[in-house]
Amino acid sequence: MAAGSEGDARETEAGASRSTSERTPEGGTVEQAKEACLRLLAVRARSRAELAQRLAAKGYTAEVAERALDRLAEVGLIDDAAFAEQWVHSRHTFSGKGKQALAQELRRKGVAPADAAPALEAISSDDEEARAVELVRRKLRTLPRDLDRDKAVRRLVGMLARRGYSQSIAFTVVKAELAEAEWSSGPLDEPANPPD
């Protein structure tokens, strides 16, 4: 009886060892990597580079990660051009980001310039200017009316610059909106309160 139980124990250990190595080889399996990617994609769209970084952080080998990412790209779940288009539309529309900021964000997300360019070109100068006008009008409502015109200009242009708008668009929009709001009668390049 003791000999039989000894043999059973060895067989059980060998079976457990074999099934463990089949399920999770060193560095994970392609299926596990795909599942990890699908969980990440269920939260929000991601670029291929973002997914590769997350898989590496989870301990998947580069070979396993590449195979999983290639498979997901084949079925259309990873598409950096579509990701860039969605990202640009969302961030421009809802966060008020300008082209410069969006290009920088896409670079940080690992999107190739060839995939980012068409998405960024979808934002026309008129679109960008219209969004800048909305942002300036909203900010003007919160600025104190007794604020010096030069300070108002600096704040508004700075706000647009931080959101990625070019200096020319920022200055043009701020000048027009301050004139419309009748902030001051003097031109922008003159001090609001000339020294006596």
C-alpha atoms as a PDB file:
ATOM      1  CA  MET A   1       0.000   0.000   0.000  1.00  0.00           C
ATOM      2  CA  ALA A   2       2.839   2.356   0.865  1.00  0.00           C
ATOM      3  CA  ALA A   3       4.536   1.621  -2.446  1.00  0.00           C
ATOM      4  CA  GLY A   4       1.308   2.315  -4.357  1.00  0.00           C
ATOM      5  CA  SER A   5       0.764   5.653  -2.630  1.00  0.00           C
ATOM      6  CA  GLU A   6       4.379   6.569  -3.300  1.00  0.00           C
ATOM      7  CA  GLY A   7       3.899   5.928  -7.025  1.00  0.00           C
ATOM      8  CA  ASP A   8       0.612   7.867  -7.037  1.00  0.00           C
ATOM      9  CA  ALA A   9       2.314  10.832  -5.391  1.00  0.00           C
ATOM     10  CA  ARG A  10       5.102  10.837  -8.018  1.00  0.00           C
ATOM     11  CA  GLU A  11       2.570  10.637 -10.832  1.00  0.00           C
ATOM     12  CA  THR A  12       0.543  13.502  -9.342  1.00  0.00           C
ATOM     13  CA  GLU A  13       3.653  15.680  -8.976  1.00  0.00           C
ATOM     14  CA  ALA A  14       4.697  14.982 -12.576  1.00  0.00           C
ATOM     15  CA  GLY A  15       1.185  15.777 -13.832  1.00  0.00           C
ATOM     16  CA  ALA A  16       1.033  19.013 -11.837  1.00  0.00           C
ATOM     17  CA  SER A  17       4.451  20.036 -13.085  1.00  0.00           C
ATOM     18  CA  ARG A  18       3.536  19.278 -16.702  1.00  0.00           C
ATOM     19  CA  SER A  19       0.206  21.141 -16.574  1.00  0.00           C
ATOM     20  CA  THR A  20       1.814  24.180 -14.941  1.00  0.00           C
ATOM     21  CA  SER A  21       4.442  24.449 -17.664  1.00  0.00           C
ATOM     22  CA  GLU A  22       1.785  24.105 -20.376  1.00  0.00           C
ATOM     23  CA  ARG A  23      -0.382  26.819 -18.852  1.00  0.00           C
ATOM     24  CA  THR A  24       2.192  29.486 -18.012  1.00  0.00           C
ATOM     25  CA  PRO A  25       5.579  29.071 -19.627  1.00  0.00           C
ATOM     26  CA  GLU A  26       8.276  31.563 -18.687  1.00  0.00           C
ATOM     27  CA  GLY A  27       7.214  34.986 -20.039  1.00  0.00           C
ATOM     28  CA  GLY A  28       3.537  34.062 -20.493  1.00  0.00           C
ATOM     29  CA  THR A  29       1.651  32.707 -23.469  1.00  0.00           C
ATOM     30  CA  VAL A  30       0.359  34.500 -26.526  1.00  0.00           C
ATOM     31  CA  GLU A  31      -3.215  33.805 -25.401  1.00  0.00           C
ATOM     32  CA  GLN A  32      -2.545  35.329 -21.974  1.00  0.00           C
ATOM     33  CA  ALA A  33      -0.954  38.379 -23.597  1.00  0.00           C
ATOM     34  CA  LYS A  34      -3.948  38.787 -25.924  1.00  0.00           C
ATOM     35  CA  GLU A  35      -6.331  38.551 -22.948  1.00  0.00           C
ATOM     36  CA  ALA A  36      -4.310  41.190 -21.074  1.00  0.00           C
ATOM     37  CA  CYS A  37      -4.520  43.474 -24.117  1.00  0.00           C
ATOM     38  CA  LEU A  38      -8.250  42.917 -24.495  1.00  0.00           C
ATOM     39  CA  ARG A  39      -8.793  43.895 -20.858  1.00  0.00           C
ATOM     40  CA  LEU A  40      -6.824  47.112 -21.447  1.00  0.00           C
ATOM     41  CA  LEU A  41      -8.680  47.849 -24.689  1.00  0.00           C
ATOM     42  CA  ALA A  42     -12.016  47.368 -22.935  1.00  0.00           C
ATOM     43  CA  VAL A  43     -11.219  50.432 -20.805  1.00  0.00           C
ATOM     44  CA  ARG A  44     -10.113  52.712 -23.676  1.00  0.00           C
ATOM     45  CA  ALA A  45      -8.430  52.597 -27.068  1.00  0.00           C
ATOM     46  CA  ARG A  46      -4.650  52.319 -26.892  1.00  0.00           C
ATOM     47  CA  SER A  47      -1.762  52.533 -29.296  1.00  0.00           C
ATOM     48  CA  ARG A  48       0.342  49.485 -30.106  1.00  0.00           C
ATOM     49  CA  ALA A  49       3.297  51.011 -28.231  1.00  0.00           C
ATOM     50  CA  GLU A  50       1.180  51.536 -25.099  1.00  0.00           C
ATOM     51  CA  LEU A  51       0.059  47.894 -25.161  1.00  0.00           C
ATOM     52  CA  ALA A  52       3.629  46.688 -25.728  1.00  0.00           C
ATOM     53  CA  GLN A  53       4.789  48.697 -22.692  1.00  0.00           C
ATOM     54  CA  ARG A  54       2.023  47.271 -20.509  1.00  0.00           C
ATOM     55  CA  LEU A  55       2.800  43.704 -21.601  1.00  0.00           C
ATOM     56  CA  ALA A  56       6.505  44.212 -20.882  1.00  0.00           C
ATOM     57  CA  ALA A  57       5.641  45.582 -17.438  1.00  0.00           C
ATOM     58  CA  LYS A  58       3.561  42.453 -16.768  1.00  0.00           C
ATOM     59  CA  GLY A  59       6.559  40.265 -17.601  1.00  0.00           C
ATOM     60  CA  TYR A  60       5.667  39.013 -21.079  1.00  0.00           C
ATOM     61  CA  THR A  61       8.637  38.350 -23.342  1.00  0.00           C
ATOM     62  CA  ALA A  62       9.099  40.570 -26.383  1.00  0.00           C
ATOM     63  CA  GLU A  63       8.409  37.612 -28.702  1.00  0.00           C
ATOM     64  CA  VAL A  64       5.126  36.718 -26.966  1.00  0.00           C
ATOM     65  CA  ALA A  65       4.035  40.357 -26.877  1.00  0.00           C
ATOM     66  CA  GLU A  66       4.808  40.869 -30.581  1.00  0.00           C
ATOM     67  CA  ARG A  67       2.898  37.756 -31.606  1.00  0.00           C
ATOM     68  CA  ALA A  68      -0.122  38.790 -29.512  1.00  0.00           C
ATOM     69  CA  LEU A  69      -0.038  42.361 -30.822  1.00  0.00           C
ATOM     70  CA  ASP A  70       0.340  41.171 -34.424  1.00  0.00           C
ATOM     71  CA  ARG A  71      -2.691  38.928 -34.022  1.00  0.00           C
ATOM     72  CA  LEU A  72      -4.789  41.752 -32.531  1.00  0.00           C
ATOM     73  CA  ALA A  73      -3.681  44.069 -35.359  1.00  0.00           C
ATOM     74  CA  GLU A  74      -4.683  41.424 -37.947  1.00  0.00           C
ATOM     75  CA  VAL A  75      -8.243  41.382 -36.636  1.00  0.00           C
ATOM     76  CA  GLY A  76      -8.394  45.192 -36.416  1.00  0.00           C
ATOM     77  CA  LEU A  77      -8.314  45.625 -32.643  1.00  0.00           C
ATOM     78  CA  ILE A  78      -5.041  47.563 -32.802  1.00  0.00           C
ATOM     79  CA  ASP A  79      -4.841  50.324 -35.410  1.00  0.00           C
ATOM     80  CA  ASP A  80      -2.633  53.309 -34.604  1.00  0.00           C
ATOM     81  CA  ALA A  81      -4.098  55.458 -37.398  1.00  0.00           C
ATOM     82  CA  ALA A  82      -7.648  54.913 -36.087  1.00  0.00           C
ATOM     83  CA  PHE A  83      -6.415  55.451 -32.527  1.00  0.00           C
ATOM     84  CA  ALA A  84      -4.808  58.769 -33.531  1.00  0.00           C
ATOM     85  CA  GLU A  85      -7.996  59.892 -35.272  1.00  0.00           C
ATOM     86  CA  GLN A  86     -10.125  59.064 -32.233  1.00  0.00           C
ATOM     87  CA  TRP A  87      -7.631  60.630 -29.804  1.00  0.00           C
ATOM     88  CA  VAL A  88      -7.348  63.878 -31.783  1.00  0.00           C
ATOM     89  CA  HIS A  89     -11.102  64.246 -32.196  1.00  0.00           C
ATOM     90  CA  SER A  90     -11.810  63.575 -28.537  1.00  0.00           C
ATOM     91  CA  ARG A  91      -9.042  65.713 -27.069  1.00  0.00           C
ATOM     92  CA  HIS A  92      -9.701  68.642 -29.423  1.00  0.00           C
ATOM     93  CA  THR A  93     -13.467  68.581 -28.987  1.00  0.00           C
ATOM     94  CA  PHE A  94     -13.763  67.883 -25.272  1.00  0.00           C
ATOM     95  CA  SER A  95     -10.455  69.090 -23.792  1.00  0.00           C
ATOM     96  CA  GLY A  96      -9.830  71.991 -26.147  1.00  0.00           C
ATOM     97  CA  LYS A  97      -6.330  70.862 -27.097  1.00  0.00           C
ATOM     98  CA  GLY A  98      -4.578  72.507 -30.040  1.00  0.00           C
ATOM     99  CA  LYS A  99      -2.615  70.728 -32.746  1.00  0.00           C
ATOM    100  CA  GLN A 100       0.772  71.205 -31.077  1.00  0.00           C
ATOM    101  CA  ALA A 101      -0.361  69.596 -27.821  1.00  0.00           C
ATOM    102  CA  LEU A 102      -2.114  66.768 -29.667  1.00  0.00           C
ATOM    103  CA  ALA A 103       0.991  65.994 -31.743  1.00  0.00           C
ATOM    104  CA  GLN A 104       3.039  65.830 -28.552  1.00  0.00           C
ATOM    105  CA  GLU A 105       0.514  63.547 -26.841  1.00  0.00           C
ATOM    106  CA  LEU A 106       0.491  61.165 -29.808  1.00  0.00           C
ATOM    107  CA  ARG A 107       4.315  61.046 -29.796  1.00  0.00           C
ATOM    108  CA  ARG A 108       4.256  60.145 -26.089  1.00  0.00           C
ATOM    109  CA  LYS A 109       1.789  57.365 -26.854  1.00  0.00           C
ATOM    110  CA  GLY A 110       4.164  55.927 -29.441  1.00  0.00           C
ATOM    111  CA  VAL A 111       2.087  56.731 -32.524  1.00  0.00           C
ATOM    112  CA  ALA A 112       4.242  57.029 -35.647  1.00  0.00           C
ATOM    113  CA  PRO A 113       4.219  60.415 -37.407  1.00  0.00           C
ATOM    114  CA  ALA A 114       2.764  58.743 -40.522  1.00  0.00           C
ATOM    115  CA  ASP A 115      -0.253  57.588 -38.476  1.00  0.00           C
ATOM    116  CA  ALA A 116      -0.586  60.869 -36.554  1.00  0.00           C
ATOM    117  CA  ALA A 117      -0.370  63.284 -39.510  1.00  0.00           C
ATOM    118  CA  PRO A 118      -3.750  62.511 -41.153  1.00  0.00           C
ATOM    119  CA  ALA A 119      -5.532  62.785 -37.815  1.00  0.00           C
ATOM    120  CA  LEU A 120      -3.905  66.140 -37.051  1.00  0.00           C
ATOM    121  CA  GLU A 121      -4.632  67.438 -40.562  1.00  0.00           C
ATOM    122  CA  ALA A 122      -8.325  66.753 -39.960  1.00  0.00           C
ATOM    123  CA  ILE A 123      -8.334  69.807 -37.669  1.00  0.00           C
ATOM    124  CA  SER A 124      -8.519  72.842 -39.934  1.00  0.00           C
ATOM    125  CA  SER A 125      -7.266  76.291 -38.969  1.00  0.00           C
ATOM    126  CA  ASP A 126     -10.888  77.389 -38.747  1.00  0.00           C
ATOM    127  CA  ASP A 127     -11.706  74.506 -36.357  1.00  0.00           C
ATOM    128  CA  GLU A 128      -8.740  75.349 -34.193  1.00  0.00           C
ATOM    129  CA  GLU A 129      -9.570  79.045 -34.142  1.00  0.00           C
ATOM    130  CA  ALA A 130     -13.243  78.367 -33.306  1.00  0.00           C
ATOM    131  CA  ARG A 131     -12.231  76.150 -30.381  1.00  0.00           C
ATOM    132  CA  ALA A 132      -9.761  78.800 -29.162  1.00  0.00           C
ATOM    133  CA  VAL A 133     -12.556  81.412 -29.275  1.00  0.00           C
ATOM    134  CA  GLU A 134     -14.771  79.183 -27.103  1.00  0.00           C
ATOM    135  CA  LEU A 135     -11.967  78.741 -24.566  1.00  0.00           C
ATOM    136  CA  VAL A 136     -11.195  82.456 -24.417  1.00  0.00           C
ATOM    137  CA  ARG A 137     -14.863  83.392 -24.000  1.00  0.00           C
ATOM    138  CA  ARG A 138     -15.249  80.920 -21.161  1.00  0.00           C
ATOM    139  CA  LYS A 139     -12.091  82.232 -19.460  1.00  0.00           C
ATOM    140  CA  LEU A 140     -13.165  85.863 -19.923  1.00  0.00           C
ATOM    141  CA  ARG A 141     -16.247  85.200 -17.796  1.00  0.00           C
ATOM    142  CA  THR A 142     -13.997  84.331 -14.844  1.00  0.00           C
ATOM    143  CA  LEU A 143     -11.469  87.162 -15.166  1.00  0.00           C
ATOM    144  CA  PRO A 144     -12.017  90.199 -12.928  1.00  0.00           C
ATOM    145  CA  ARG A 145     -13.230  93.167 -15.017  1.00  0.00           C
ATOM    146  CA  ASP A 146     -10.748  95.490 -13.293  1.00  0.00           C
ATOM    147  CA  LEU A 147      -7.812  93.315 -14.398  1.00  0.00           C
ATOM    148  CA  ASP A 148      -5.203  95.242 -16.357  1.00  0.00           C
ATOM    149  CA  ARG A 149      -5.537  94.605 -20.097  1.00  0.00           C
ATOM    150  CA  ASP A 150      -1.927  93.462 -20.472  1.00  0.00           C
ATOM    151  CA  LYS A 151      -2.389  90.958 -17.667  1.00  0.00           C
ATOM    152  CA  ALA A 152      -5.581  89.719 -19.273  1.00  0.00           C
ATOM    153  CA  VAL A 153      -3.746  89.283 -22.579  1.00  0.00           C
ATOM    154  CA  ARG A 154      -0.895  87.369 -20.905  1.00  0.00           C
ATOM    155  CA  ARG A 155      -3.302  85.098 -19.041  1.00  0.00           C
ATOM    156  CA  LEU A 156      -5.437  84.332 -22.065  1.00  0.00           C
ATOM    157  CA  VAL A 157      -2.550  83.816 -24.500  1.00  0.00           C
ATOM    158  CA  GLY A 158      -0.763  81.693 -21.883  1.00  0.00           C
ATOM    159  CA  MET A 159      -3.864  79.570 -21.371  1.00  0.00           C
ATOM    160  CA  LEU A 160      -4.104  78.892 -25.108  1.00  0.00           C
ATOM    161  CA  ALA A 161      -0.371  78.207 -25.394  1.00  0.00           C
ATOM    162  CA  ARG A 162      -0.560  75.602 -22.590  1.00  0.00           C
ATOM    163  CA  ARG A 163      -3.333  73.881 -24.512  1.00  0.00           C
ATOM    164  CA  GLY A 164      -1.182  73.704 -27.626  1.00  0.00           C
ATOM    165  CA  TYR A 165      -2.360  76.624 -29.751  1.00  0.00           C
ATOM    166  CA  SER A 166       0.164  78.531 -31.847  1.00  0.00           C
ATOM    167  CA  GLN A 167       1.141  82.012 -30.736  1.00  0.00           C
ATOM    168  CA  SER A 168      -0.373  83.571 -33.851  1.00  0.00           C
ATOM    169  CA  ILE A 169      -3.779  81.932 -33.321  1.00  0.00           C
ATOM    170  CA  ALA A 170      -3.699  82.719 -29.597  1.00  0.00           C
ATOM    171  CA  PHE A 171      -2.848  86.393 -30.090  1.00  0.00           C
ATOM    172  CA  THR A 172      -5.366  86.858 -32.933  1.00  0.00           C
ATOM    173  CA  VAL A 173      -8.205  85.270 -30.961  1.00  0.00           C
ATOM    174  CA  VAL A 174      -7.404  87.091 -27.714  1.00  0.00           C
ATOM    175  CA  LYS A 175      -7.163  90.460 -29.486  1.00  0.00           C
ATOM    176  CA  ALA A 176     -10.531  89.954 -31.203  1.00  0.00           C
ATOM    177  CA  GLU A 177     -12.307  88.668 -28.098  1.00  0.00           C
ATOM    178  CA  LEU A 178     -11.010  91.459 -25.843  1.00  0.00           C
ATOM    179  CA  ALA A 179     -12.131  94.011 -28.427  1.00  0.00           C
ATOM    180  CA  GLU A 180     -15.568  92.398 -28.612  1.00  0.00           C
ATOM    181  CA  ALA A 181     -15.807  92.337 -24.816  1.00  0.00           C
ATOM    182  CA  GLU A 182     -14.744  96.007 -24.818  1.00  0.00           C
ATOM    183  CA  TRP A 183     -12.066  95.227 -22.286  1.00  0.00           C
ATOM    184  CA  SER A 184     -10.210  98.409 -23.144  1.00  0.00           C
ATOM    185  CA  SER A 185     -10.294 100.955 -25.929  1.00  0.00           C
ATOM    186  CA  GLY A 186      -6.538 100.904 -26.683  1.00  0.00           C
ATOM    187  CA  PRO A 187      -4.826  98.435 -29.026  1.00  0.00           C
ATOM    188  CA  LEU A 188      -3.227  95.365 -27.455  1.00  0.00           C
ATOM    189  CA  ASP A 189       0.332  96.484 -27.989  1.00  0.00           C
ATOM    190  CA  GLU A 190      -0.224  99.666 -25.946  1.00  0.00           C
ATOM    191  CA  PRO A 191      -0.466  99.603 -22.145  1.00  0.00           C
ATOM    192  CA  ALA A 192      -4.024  99.793 -20.855  1.00  0.00           C
ATOM    193  CA  ASN A 193      -3.058 102.496 -18.366  1.00  0.00           C
ATOM    194  CA  PRO A 194      -0.338 104.708 -19.911  1.00  0.00           C
ATOM    195  CA  PRO A 195       1.998 106.262 -17.341  1.00  0.00           C
ATOM    196  CA  ASP A 196       1.376 109.960 -16.505  1.00  0.00           C
END
